[in-house]
Amino acid sequence: MSTNRISLNPPRGMRDFYPADMVLRERIFGAWREAARAFGFAPYDACVVESLELLKRKAGEEIVGQIYAFRDKSGRELALRPEMTPTLARMVASRRGSLSVPLKWHTIAQCFRYERMTRGRKREHYQWNLDIIGEDSVGAEVEILGAAVHALSLLGLNAGDVKIHYSSRALLGELLVRLGIPREHHQATFLALDKRGKEDDEAISKLLSGEGLNAKTVGLVFELLAIDSLKDAVDRLEGASPAGARIMDFVQAAAPAGLADILVFDISVIRGLAYYTGIVFEAFDVDRGFRAIFGGGRYDNLLEEIGGASMTGVGLGFGDVVIGEILAARESADMLPAPFDTAVSFMEEAQRPVAAALAARFRSGGASVDLSLRPEKARAFFSRAGGGLYREAVYIGPDDVERGMVRIKNLSTRDERELTL
């Protein structure tokens, strides 16, 4: 007999969800779905295994090294999806002729990346994706952010808890051109600057120097990151800024949508994915104690670059890991409603038919009910039922059957009410 024991832990960076863990996860998923429905986003889904070629081409330079890739039995190069946008682009491009734009789609997708583990970062996570395809106006950015803010509000978070930091890759590109940095170096510059906070400035300077920027220009690039207002950024371009005009339109459109108090201009928001071209955004808790809650932006060329028609899009990815940590830190998990309505149990076999009939009665009224499968002692039942999964509990003994009444206990308040059998 082998003495080697199989580890009972999930693979590093992966997660198991026991029923108690699902309470918070379903609360988050429920807020996402409710917000998507409120804002008119249609649900979609896709296979979790994607073509490696598609992901290498469009997922972005940083993610390429994090892909869980493999060959299937026919030698095809495949991968677990690291994010959803390339898959969405493939789906839209494959049926472009039969789809009416603008599209407003959403999904909750499980994504996988082999990356360094830190707080708020796993090697798999669920991500709520919102995308609007085929709409040029800044109304698309406003609508997507409105849906995300609505989801936050359903989770008990508002502008006093979260701020959405926004900028524009196009605006930063205009500023780089003014510094004399050719456009062919912009993408690498964006990716280098996006590492700020993860790498020290010396390491980022080396990355920029590797792109052919001299020491003086590197210093000027870092000066750009000291810009602290949209007005300052636009003023540096001396009025010749199409990107600045567009971001001003965005700010103006966001106000009547109720987003003014939660938006903060932040030139350092760049986003690491290669396909972003315009306005970009990331949400953080106000104390910046956690990683970004969600992020996204406009991508103008993604569909065309994978062989589809030219079409712009705006997308947002909202992961479950960071928001779960924030809610746990606020002790919101303890305030979440129980996922099931009623637990029903009985003392002896003689009360089983009564308990079964009562459970059926509750279920026919739309309630969710857990019916005990065997007799149990009252103490054991209430200990089990009081674990946070049920709102109410009913325990049936011979005395209850004899008098034709049962007591229903509220497991939060401990109040009781009676019901006629």
Foldseek 3Di string as FASTA:
>chain_A
DDPDDDDPDDPFLDDDADPLNVLLVVLLVVLLVVLCVVLVAAEDDDDQKAQLVLCVVFFFDVQNVFWAWDAPPVRGIITGAQDCVSVVLVVCQVPVVPDDDQHWHKYWDKHATRDDDDALGGRIFTKIKIKTKFDDALVQVLSVVLSVQSSCVSLVDHLLWKAKEKDWLLLLLLVLVVLVDDPVCSLQLLQLLLCVVVDDLVVSLVSSVVSVDDPVSSVVSVVVQVDQDLVVSCVVSVNPGPLSVRVVSNQVVNVVSPRNSRYGYGHSPRDRGRQAHTMKIFMATPVNPFDTQKIWAKGQCSSVVVPGDGMIMTMMIGTDRGVVVVCVVVVVSVVRAAQFEEEEAEAAPVCLVVRVVVCVVCVVVPGGYHYDPHHDDPVVVLVVQLPRNYQWYWYDYPVCVVVQKTWIAGSPVRDIDIDGD
